[in-house]
Amino acid sequence: MCFKQISVHKTYVVGIKSTKDYVDFFINLNMGNSVSLISFVNNEKITLKQKLENKNLEKEPIKRGIMILEQLAKEINETGEKEVIKKYQT
């Protein structure tokens, strides 16, 4: 990810409220075939879990993001990445 994408990511994650939002965010990062959706989801979960340790951040949106990502990972494992992207793509 370049610096611009990282700074956009930091502000965007707080506004993510659904699985569709995460899939749209992943697609809009336009990383081509270099990063799979499941890798993105797993990295996001790690990042959000680290953010939970920060005392200055609101915890509920972070916890909600983790729950969404866990559900998304489960869905990817059950139905496949292509099907999940197709399901949530706008």
PDB file of N, CA and C in Angstrom:
ATOM      1  N   MET A   1       0.835  -1.179   0.000  1.00  0.00           N
ATOM      2  CA  MET A   1       0.000   0.000   0.000  1.00  0.00           C
ATOM      3  C   MET A   1       0.877   1.238   0.000  1.00  0.00           C
ATOM      4  N   CYS A   2       0.500   2.236  -0.733  1.00  0.00           N
ATOM      5  CA  CYS A   2       1.256   3.473  -0.698  1.00  0.00           C
ATOM      6  C   CYS A   2       0.732   4.356   0.436  1.00  0.00           C
ATOM      7  N   PHE A   3       1.453   5.455   0.704  1.00  0.00           N
ATOM      8  CA  PHE A   3       1.101   6.327   1.830  1.00  0.00           C
ATOM      9  C   PHE A   3      -0.327   6.858   1.712  1.00  0.00           C
ATOM     10  N   LYS A   4      -0.718   7.253   0.521  1.00  0.00           N
ATOM     11  CA  LYS A   4      -2.073   7.785   0.322  1.00  0.00           C
ATOM     12  C   LYS A   4      -3.124   6.750   0.701  1.00  0.00           C
ATOM     13  N   GLN A   5      -2.924   5.506   0.289  1.00  0.00           N
ATOM     14  CA  GLN A   5      -3.883   4.450   0.608  1.00  0.00           C
ATOM     15  C   GLN A   5      -3.932   4.193   2.103  1.00  0.00           C
ATOM     16  N   ILE A   6      -2.772   4.242   2.760  1.00  0.00           N
ATOM     17  CA  ILE A   6      -2.732   4.012   4.200  1.00  0.00           C
ATOM     18  C   ILE A   6      -3.497   5.098   4.933  1.00  0.00           C
ATOM     19  N   SER A   7      -3.301   6.365   4.568  1.00  0.00           N
ATOM     20  CA  SER A   7      -4.007   7.436   5.270  1.00  0.00           C
ATOM     21  C   SER A   7      -5.502   7.383   4.985  1.00  0.00           C
ATOM     22  N   VAL A   8      -5.879   7.029   3.773  1.00  0.00           N
ATOM     23  CA  VAL A   8      -7.301   6.847   3.457  1.00  0.00           C
ATOM     24  C   VAL A   8      -7.840   5.702   4.295  1.00  0.00           C
ATOM     25  N   HIS A   9      -7.075   4.632   4.406  1.00  0.00           N
ATOM     26  CA  HIS A   9      -7.479   3.459   5.171  1.00  0.00           C
ATOM     27  C   HIS A   9      -7.739   3.808   6.625  1.00  0.00           C
ATOM     28  N   LYS A  10      -6.881   4.589   7.238  1.00  0.00           N
ATOM     29  CA  LYS A  10      -7.036   4.927   8.652  1.00  0.00           C
ATOM     30  C   LYS A  10      -8.354   5.647   8.914  1.00  0.00           C
ATOM     31  N   THR A  11      -8.732   6.543   8.033  1.00  0.00           N
ATOM     32  CA  THR A  11      -9.983   7.265   8.247  1.00  0.00           C
ATOM     33  C   THR A  11     -11.186   6.437   7.813  1.00  0.00           C
ATOM     34  N   TYR A  12     -11.012   5.574   6.827  1.00  0.00           N
ATOM     35  CA  TYR A  12     -12.135   4.815   6.293  1.00  0.00           C
ATOM     36  C   TYR A  12     -12.598   3.704   7.226  1.00  0.00           C
ATOM     37  N   VAL A  13     -11.649   3.053   7.894  1.00  0.00           N
ATOM     38  CA  VAL A  13     -12.005   1.905   8.737  1.00  0.00           C
ATOM     39  C   VAL A  13     -13.044   2.287   9.784  1.00  0.00           C
ATOM     40  N   VAL A  14     -12.949   3.487  10.328  1.00  0.00           N
ATOM     41  CA  VAL A  14     -13.897   3.934  11.345  1.00  0.00           C
ATOM     42  C   VAL A  14     -15.308   3.986  10.768  1.00  0.00           C
ATOM     43  N   GLY A  15     -15.436   4.295   9.477  1.00  0.00           N
ATOM     44  CA  GLY A  15     -16.750   4.421   8.861  1.00  0.00           C
ATOM     45  C   GLY A  15     -17.314   3.124   8.320  1.00  0.00           C
ATOM     46  N   ILE A  16     -16.574   2.040   8.392  1.00  0.00           N
ATOM     47  CA  ILE A  16     -17.046   0.766   7.867  1.00  0.00           C
ATOM     48  C   ILE A  16     -18.072   0.170   8.820  1.00  0.00           C
ATOM     49  N   LYS A  17     -19.240  -0.112   8.269  1.00  0.00           N
ATOM     50  CA  LYS A  17     -20.330  -0.599   9.114  1.00  0.00           C
ATOM     51  C   LYS A  17     -20.912  -1.917   8.645  1.00  0.00           C
ATOM     52  N   SER A  18     -20.369  -2.463   7.537  1.00  0.00           N
ATOM     53  CA  SER A  18     -20.942  -3.702   7.015  1.00  0.00           C
ATOM     54  C   SER A  18     -19.907  -4.493   6.239  1.00  0.00           C
ATOM     55  N   THR A  19     -20.256  -5.729   5.954  1.00  0.00           N
ATOM     56  CA  THR A  19     -19.408  -6.586   5.137  1.00  0.00           C
ATOM     57  C   THR A  19     -19.235  -5.979   3.759  1.00  0.00           C
ATOM     58  N   LYS A  20     -20.307  -5.460   3.208  1.00  0.00           N
ATOM     59  CA  LYS A  20     -20.258  -4.827   1.891  1.00  0.00           C
ATOM     60  C   LYS A  20     -19.265  -3.676   1.886  1.00  0.00           C
ATOM     61  N   ASP A  21     -19.226  -2.884   2.954  1.00  0.00           N
ATOM     62  CA  ASP A  21     -18.270  -1.779   3.042  1.00  0.00           C
ATOM     63  C   ASP A  21     -16.830  -2.287   2.958  1.00  0.00           C
ATOM     64  N   TYR A  22     -16.532  -3.388   3.658  1.00  0.00           N
ATOM     65  CA  TYR A  22     -15.179  -3.946   3.621  1.00  0.00           C
ATOM     66  C   TYR A  22     -14.829  -4.464   2.235  1.00  0.00           C
ATOM     67  N   VAL A  23     -15.750  -5.161   1.588  1.00  0.00           N
ATOM     68  CA  VAL A  23     -15.486  -5.684   0.248  1.00  0.00           C
ATOM     69  C   VAL A  23     -15.305  -4.532  -0.727  1.00  0.00           C
ATOM     70  N   ASP A  24     -16.151  -3.506  -0.648  1.00  0.00           N
ATOM     71  CA  ASP A  24     -15.997  -2.335  -1.512  1.00  0.00           C
ATOM     72  C   ASP A  24     -14.654  -1.656  -1.283  1.00  0.00           C
ATOM     73  N   PHE A  25     -14.261  -1.526  -0.021  1.00  0.00           N
ATOM     74  CA  PHE A  25     -12.985  -0.916   0.312  1.00  0.00           C
ATOM     75  C   PHE A  25     -11.838  -1.717  -0.303  1.00  0.00           C
ATOM     76  N   PHE A  26     -11.887  -3.027  -0.178  1.00  0.00           N
ATOM     77  CA  PHE A  26     -10.869  -3.903  -0.755  1.00  0.00           C
ATOM     78  C   PHE A  26     -10.802  -3.714  -2.270  1.00  0.00           C
ATOM     79  N   ILE A  27     -11.940  -3.723  -2.926  1.00  0.00           N
ATOM     80  CA  ILE A  27     -11.978  -3.568  -4.387  1.00  0.00           C
ATOM     81  C   ILE A  27     -11.423  -2.204  -4.791  1.00  0.00           C
ATOM     82  N   ASN A  28     -11.784  -1.156  -4.060  1.00  0.00           N
ATOM     83  CA  ASN A  28     -11.336   0.194  -4.389  1.00  0.00           C
ATOM     84  C   ASN A  28      -9.857   0.424  -4.127  1.00  0.00           C
ATOM     85  N   LEU A  29      -9.232  -0.429  -3.318  1.00  0.00           N
ATOM     86  CA  LEU A  29      -7.783  -0.322  -3.135  1.00  0.00           C
ATOM     87  C   LEU A  29      -7.050  -0.693  -4.419  1.00  0.00           C
ATOM     88  N   ASN A  30      -7.730  -1.445  -5.287  1.00  0.00           N
ATOM     89  CA  ASN A  30      -7.224  -1.784  -6.608  1.00  0.00           C
ATOM     90  C   ASN A  30      -5.827  -2.402  -6.541  1.00  0.00           C
ATOM     91  N   MET A  31      -5.709  -3.448  -5.760  1.00  0.00           N
ATOM     92  CA  MET A  31      -4.427  -4.123  -5.607  1.00  0.00           C
ATOM     93  C   MET A  31      -4.259  -5.261  -6.609  1.00  0.00           C
ATOM     94  N   GLY A  32      -5.194  -5.375  -7.516  1.00  0.00           N
ATOM     95  CA  GLY A  32      -5.100  -6.412  -8.536  1.00  0.00           C
ATOM     96  C   GLY A  32      -5.083  -7.790  -7.926  1.00  0.00           C
ATOM     97  N   ASN A  33      -4.248  -8.636  -8.463  1.00  0.00           N
ATOM     98  CA  ASN A  33      -4.153 -10.004  -7.972  1.00  0.00           C
ATOM     99  C   ASN A  33      -3.046 -10.174  -6.941  1.00  0.00           C
ATOM    100  N   SER A  34      -2.422  -9.073  -6.523  1.00  0.00           N
ATOM    101  CA  SER A  34      -1.279  -9.174  -5.612  1.00  0.00           C
ATOM    102  C   SER A  34      -1.692  -9.518  -4.183  1.00  0.00           C
ATOM    103  N   VAL A  35      -2.926  -9.169  -3.789  1.00  0.00           N
ATOM    104  CA  VAL A  35      -3.403  -9.450  -2.431  1.00  0.00           C
ATOM    105  C   VAL A  35      -4.792 -10.072  -2.531  1.00  0.00           C
ATOM    106  N   SER A  36      -4.958 -11.218  -1.911  1.00  0.00           N
ATOM    107  CA  SER A  36      -6.270 -11.868  -1.922  1.00  0.00           C
ATOM    108  C   SER A  36      -7.165 -11.222  -0.863  1.00  0.00           C
ATOM    109  N   LEU A  37      -8.454 -11.409  -1.024  1.00  0.00           N
ATOM    110  CA  LEU A  37      -9.407 -10.865  -0.060  1.00  0.00           C
ATOM    111  C   LEU A  37      -9.192 -11.465   1.320  1.00  0.00           C
ATOM    112  N   ILE A  38      -8.917 -12.763   1.398  1.00  0.00           N
ATOM    113  CA  ILE A  38      -8.729 -13.392   2.711  1.00  0.00           C
ATOM    114  C   ILE A  38      -7.466 -12.854   3.382  1.00  0.00           C
ATOM    115  N   SER A  39      -6.417 -12.582   2.629  1.00  0.00           N
ATOM    116  CA  SER A  39      -5.209 -11.978   3.210  1.00  0.00           C
ATOM    117  C   SER A  39      -5.509 -10.575   3.730  1.00  0.00           C
ATOM    118  N   PHE A  40      -6.261  -9.825   2.947  1.00  0.00           N
ATOM    119  CA  PHE A  40      -6.659  -8.480   3.358  1.00  0.00           C
ATOM    120  C   PHE A  40      -7.468  -8.544   4.649  1.00  0.00           C
ATOM    121  N   VAL A  41      -8.433  -9.450   4.708  1.00  0.00           N
ATOM    122  CA  VAL A  41      -9.287  -9.595   5.891  1.00  0.00           C
ATOM    123  C   VAL A  41      -8.451  -9.955   7.110  1.00  0.00           C
ATOM    124  N   ASN A  42      -7.554 -10.916   6.959  1.00  0.00           N
ATOM    125  CA  ASN A  42      -6.716 -11.325   8.089  1.00  0.00           C
ATOM    126  C   ASN A  42      -5.803 -10.199   8.560  1.00  0.00           C
ATOM    127  N   ASN A  43      -5.232  -9.443   7.628  1.00  0.00           N
ATOM    128  CA  ASN A  43      -4.386  -8.301   8.004  1.00  0.00           C
ATOM    129  C   ASN A  43      -5.199  -7.216   8.706  1.00  0.00           C
ATOM    130  N   GLU A  44      -6.404  -6.983   8.227  1.00  0.00           N
ATOM    131  CA  GLU A  44      -7.275  -5.989   8.860  1.00  0.00           C
ATOM    132  C   GLU A  44      -7.618  -6.388  10.292  1.00  0.00           C
ATOM    133  N   LYS A  45      -7.899  -7.674  10.496  1.00  0.00           N
ATOM    134  CA  LYS A  45      -8.210  -8.139  11.859  1.00  0.00           C
ATOM    135  C   LYS A  45      -7.021  -7.901  12.788  1.00  0.00           C
ATOM    136  N   ILE A  46      -5.829  -8.209  12.333  1.00  0.00           N
ATOM    137  CA  ILE A  46      -4.629  -7.990  13.145  1.00  0.00           C
ATOM    138  C   ILE A  46      -4.473  -6.515  13.476  1.00  0.00           C
ATOM    139  N   THR A  47      -4.651  -5.668  12.465  1.00  0.00           N
ATOM    140  CA  THR A  47      -4.517  -4.222  12.667  1.00  0.00           C
ATOM    141  C   THR A  47      -5.542  -3.716  13.673  1.00  0.00           C
ATOM    142  N   LEU A  48      -6.784  -4.147  13.537  1.00  0.00           N
ATOM    143  CA  LEU A  48      -7.830  -3.677  14.445  1.00  0.00           C
ATOM    144  C   LEU A  48      -7.608  -4.188  15.863  1.00  0.00           C
ATOM    145  N   LYS A  49      -7.140  -5.411  15.996  1.00  0.00           N
ATOM    146  CA  LYS A  49      -6.863  -5.940  17.336  1.00  0.00           C
ATOM    147  C   LYS A  49      -5.748  -5.151  18.006  1.00  0.00           C
ATOM    148  N   GLN A  50      -4.768  -4.708  17.228  1.00  0.00           N
ATOM    149  CA  GLN A  50      -3.708  -3.857  17.781  1.00  0.00           C
ATOM    150  C   GLN A  50      -4.264  -2.497  18.183  1.00  0.00           C
ATOM    151  N   LYS A  51      -5.205  -1.983  17.405  1.00  0.00           N
ATOM    152  CA  LYS A  51      -5.807  -0.684  17.718  1.00  0.00           C
ATOM    153  C   LYS A  51      -6.631  -0.727  18.997  1.00  0.00           C
ATOM    154  N   LEU A  52      -7.146  -1.899  19.355  1.00  0.00           N
ATOM    155  CA  LEU A  52      -7.908  -2.024  20.601  1.00  0.00           C
ATOM    156  C   LEU A  52      -7.050  -1.676  21.812  1.00  0.00           C
ATOM    157  N   GLU A  53      -5.749  -1.833  21.684  1.00  0.00           N
ATOM    158  CA  GLU A  53      -4.840  -1.548  22.786  1.00  0.00           C
ATOM    159  C   GLU A  53      -4.602  -0.060  22.976  1.00  0.00           C
ATOM    160  N   ASN A  54      -4.959   0.752  22.005  1.00  0.00           N
ATOM    161  CA  ASN A  54      -4.769   2.198  22.094  1.00  0.00           C
ATOM    162  C   ASN A  54      -5.874   2.808  22.949  1.00  0.00           C
ATOM    163  N   LYS A  55      -5.492   3.470  24.007  1.00  0.00           N
ATOM    164  CA  LYS A  55      -6.472   4.035  24.946  1.00  0.00           C
ATOM    165  C   LYS A  55      -7.224   5.232  24.373  1.00  0.00           C
ATOM    166  N   ASN A  56      -6.684   5.859  23.355  1.00  0.00           N
ATOM    167  CA  ASN A  56      -7.281   7.077  22.808  1.00  0.00           C
ATOM    168  C   ASN A  56      -8.306   6.825  21.710  1.00  0.00           C
ATOM    169  N   LEU A  57      -8.516   5.585  21.349  1.00  0.00           N
ATOM    170  CA  LEU A  57      -9.459   5.269  20.279  1.00  0.00           C
ATOM    171  C   LEU A  57     -10.753   4.703  20.842  1.00  0.00           C
ATOM    172  N   GLU A  58     -11.839   5.018  20.139  1.00  0.00           N
ATOM    173  CA  GLU A  58     -13.142   4.481  20.504  1.00  0.00           C
ATOM    174  C   GLU A  58     -13.157   2.977  20.224  1.00  0.00           C
ATOM    175  N   LYS A  59     -13.536   2.192  21.198  1.00  0.00           N
ATOM    176  CA  LYS A  59     -13.438   0.737  21.103  1.00  0.00           C
ATOM    177  C   LYS A  59     -14.572   0.078  20.309  1.00  0.00           C
ATOM    178  N   GLU A  60     -15.780   0.580  20.419  1.00  0.00           N
ATOM    179  CA  GLU A  60     -16.931  -0.081  19.795  1.00  0.00           C
ATOM    180  C   GLU A  60     -16.822  -0.202  18.273  1.00  0.00           C
ATOM    181  N   PRO A  61     -16.439   0.863  17.547  1.00  0.00           N
ATOM    182  CA  PRO A  61     -16.306   0.690  16.088  1.00  0.00           C
ATOM    183  C   PRO A  61     -15.227  -0.332  15.725  1.00  0.00           C
ATOM    184  N   ILE A  62     -14.174  -0.400  16.523  1.00  0.00           N
ATOM    185  CA  ILE A  62     -13.103  -1.355  16.270  1.00  0.00           C
ATOM    186  C   ILE A  62     -13.607  -2.778  16.514  1.00  0.00           C
ATOM    187  N   LYS A  63     -14.323  -2.984  17.606  1.00  0.00           N
ATOM    188  CA  LYS A  63     -14.878  -4.307  17.907  1.00  0.00           C
ATOM    189  C   LYS A  63     -15.881  -4.728  16.831  1.00  0.00           C
ATOM    190  N   ARG A  64     -16.686  -3.796  16.372  1.00  0.00           N
ATOM    191  CA  ARG A  64     -17.661  -4.082  15.314  1.00  0.00           C
ATOM    192  C   ARG A  64     -16.927  -4.484  14.033  1.00  0.00           C
ATOM    193  N   GLY A  65     -15.841  -3.775  13.714  1.00  0.00           N
ATOM    194  CA  GLY A  65     -15.044  -4.112  12.535  1.00  0.00           C
ATOM    195  C   GLY A  65     -14.467  -5.509  12.619  1.00  0.00           C
ATOM    196  N   ILE A  66     -13.966  -5.879  13.788  1.00  0.00           N
ATOM    197  CA  ILE A  66     -13.406  -7.223  13.988  1.00  0.00           C
ATOM    198  C   ILE A  66     -14.479  -8.286  13.792  1.00  0.00           C
ATOM    199  N   MET A  67     -15.661  -8.043  14.344  1.00  0.00           N
ATOM    200  CA  MET A  67     -16.764  -9.010  14.187  1.00  0.00           C
ATOM    201  C   MET A  67     -17.149  -9.164  12.715  1.00  0.00           C
ATOM    202  N   ILE A  68     -17.210  -8.048  11.993  1.00  0.00           N
ATOM    203  CA  ILE A  68     -17.551  -8.101  10.567  1.00  0.00           C
ATOM    204  C   ILE A  68     -16.488  -8.891   9.813  1.00  0.00           C
ATOM    205  N   LEU A  69     -15.226  -8.629  10.125  1.00  0.00           N
ATOM    206  CA  LEU A  69     -14.133  -9.323   9.443  1.00  0.00           C
ATOM    207  C   LEU A  69     -14.122 -10.819   9.740  1.00  0.00           C
ATOM    208  N   GLU A  70     -14.422 -11.184  10.968  1.00  0.00           N
ATOM    209  CA  GLU A  70     -14.481 -12.604  11.319  1.00  0.00           C
ATOM    210  C   GLU A  70     -15.593 -13.304  10.547  1.00  0.00           C
ATOM    211  N   GLN A  71     -16.726 -12.650  10.417  1.00  0.00           N
ATOM    212  CA  GLN A  71     -17.837 -13.219   9.650  1.00  0.00           C
ATOM    213  C   GLN A  71     -17.476 -13.306   8.173  1.00  0.00           C
ATOM    214  N   LEU A  72     -16.803 -12.279   7.674  1.00  0.00           N
ATOM    215  CA  LEU A  72     -16.390 -12.270   6.275  1.00  0.00           C
ATOM    216  C   LEU A  72     -15.384 -13.394   5.996  1.00  0.00           C
ATOM    217  N   ALA A  73     -14.435 -13.602   6.892  1.00  0.00           N
ATOM    218  CA  ALA A  73     -13.455 -14.681   6.731  1.00  0.00           C
ATOM    219  C   ALA A  73     -14.161 -16.040   6.706  1.00  0.00           C
ATOM    220  N   LYS A  74     -15.126 -16.211   7.570  1.00  0.00           N
ATOM    221  CA  LYS A  74     -15.890 -17.461   7.610  1.00  0.00           C
ATOM    222  C   LYS A  74     -16.619 -17.688   6.284  1.00  0.00           C
ATOM    223  N   GLU A  75     -17.225 -16.616   5.776  1.00  0.00           N
ATOM    224  CA  GLU A  75     -17.960 -16.723   4.517  1.00  0.00           C
ATOM    225  C   GLU A  75     -17.013 -17.044   3.352  1.00  0.00           C
ATOM    226  N   ILE A  76     -15.829 -16.430   3.350  1.00  0.00           N
ATOM    227  CA  ILE A  76     -14.847 -16.713   2.299  1.00  0.00           C
ATOM    228  C   ILE A  76     -14.437 -18.181   2.350  1.00  0.00           C
ATOM    229  N   ASN A  77     -14.191 -18.681   3.542  1.00  0.00           N
ATOM    230  CA  ASN A  77     -13.775 -20.079   3.697  1.00  0.00           C
ATOM    231  C   ASN A  77     -14.879 -21.057   3.285  1.00  0.00           C
ATOM    232  N   GLU A  78     -16.124 -20.673   3.483  1.00  0.00           N
ATOM    233  CA  GLU A  78     -17.242 -21.564   3.162  1.00  0.00           C
ATOM    234  C   GLU A  78     -17.630 -21.532   1.685  1.00  0.00           C
ATOM    235  N   THR A  79     -17.614 -20.343   1.071  1.00  0.00           N
ATOM    236  CA  THR A  79     -18.126 -20.224  -0.297  1.00  0.00           C
ATOM    237  C   THR A  79     -17.075 -19.845  -1.332  1.00  0.00           C
ATOM    238  N   GLY A  80     -15.933 -19.362  -0.896  1.00  0.00           N
ATOM    239  CA  GLY A  80     -14.874 -18.962  -1.817  1.00  0.00           C
ATOM    240  C   GLY A  80     -14.836 -17.463  -2.035  1.00  0.00           C
ATOM    241  N   GLU A  81     -13.634 -16.988  -2.300  1.00  0.00           N
ATOM    242  CA  GLU A  81     -13.403 -15.553  -2.450  1.00  0.00           C
ATOM    243  C   GLU A  81     -14.164 -14.936  -3.618  1.00  0.00           C
ATOM    244  N   LYS A  82     -14.142 -15.595  -4.762  1.00  0.00           N
ATOM    245  CA  LYS A  82     -14.817 -15.046  -5.945  1.00  0.00           C
ATOM    246  C   LYS A  82     -16.311 -14.879  -5.706  1.00  0.00           C
ATOM    247  N   GLU A  83     -16.908 -15.868  -5.057  1.00  0.00           N
ATOM    248  CA  GLU A  83     -18.346 -15.796  -4.777  1.00  0.00           C
ATOM    249  C   GLU A  83     -18.672 -14.668  -3.796  1.00  0.00           C
ATOM    250  N   VAL A  84     -17.824 -14.481  -2.803  1.00  0.00           N
ATOM    251  CA  VAL A  84     -18.044 -13.420  -1.818  1.00  0.00           C
ATOM    252  C   VAL A  84     -17.930 -12.044  -2.484  1.00  0.00           C
ATOM    253  N   ILE A  85     -16.905 -11.865  -3.296  1.00  0.00           N
ATOM    254  CA  ILE A  85     -16.731 -10.582  -3.991  1.00  0.00           C
ATOM    255  C   ILE A  85     -17.927 -10.322  -4.892  1.00  0.00           C
ATOM    256  N   LYS A  86     -18.332 -11.341  -5.627  1.00  0.00           N
ATOM    257  CA  LYS A  86     -19.489 -11.217  -6.536  1.00  0.00           C
ATOM    258  C   LYS A  86     -20.758 -10.845  -5.750  1.00  0.00           C
ATOM    259  N   LYS A  87     -20.933 -11.448  -4.593  1.00  0.00           N
ATOM    260  CA  LYS A  87     -22.117 -11.197  -3.756  1.00  0.00           C
ATOM    261  C   LYS A  87     -22.206  -9.751  -3.281  1.00  0.00           C
ATOM    262  N   TYR A  88     -21.069  -9.177  -2.855  1.00  0.00           N
ATOM    263  CA  TYR A  88     -21.076  -7.843  -2.240  1.00  0.00           C
ATOM    264  C   TYR A  88     -20.654  -6.713  -3.170  1.00  0.00           C
ATOM    265  N   GLN A  89     -20.193  -7.043  -4.365  1.00  0.00           N
ATOM    266  CA  GLN A  89     -19.708  -6.027  -5.285  1.00  0.00           C
ATOM    267  C   GLN A  89     -20.851  -5.140  -5.767  1.00  0.00           C
ATOM    268  N   THR A  90     -20.562  -3.847  -5.855  1.00  0.00           N
ATOM    269  CA  THR A  90     -21.599  -2.914  -6.318  1.00  0.00           C
ATOM    270  C   THR A  90     -21.518  -2.698  -7.794  1.00  0.00           C
TER     271      THR A  90
END
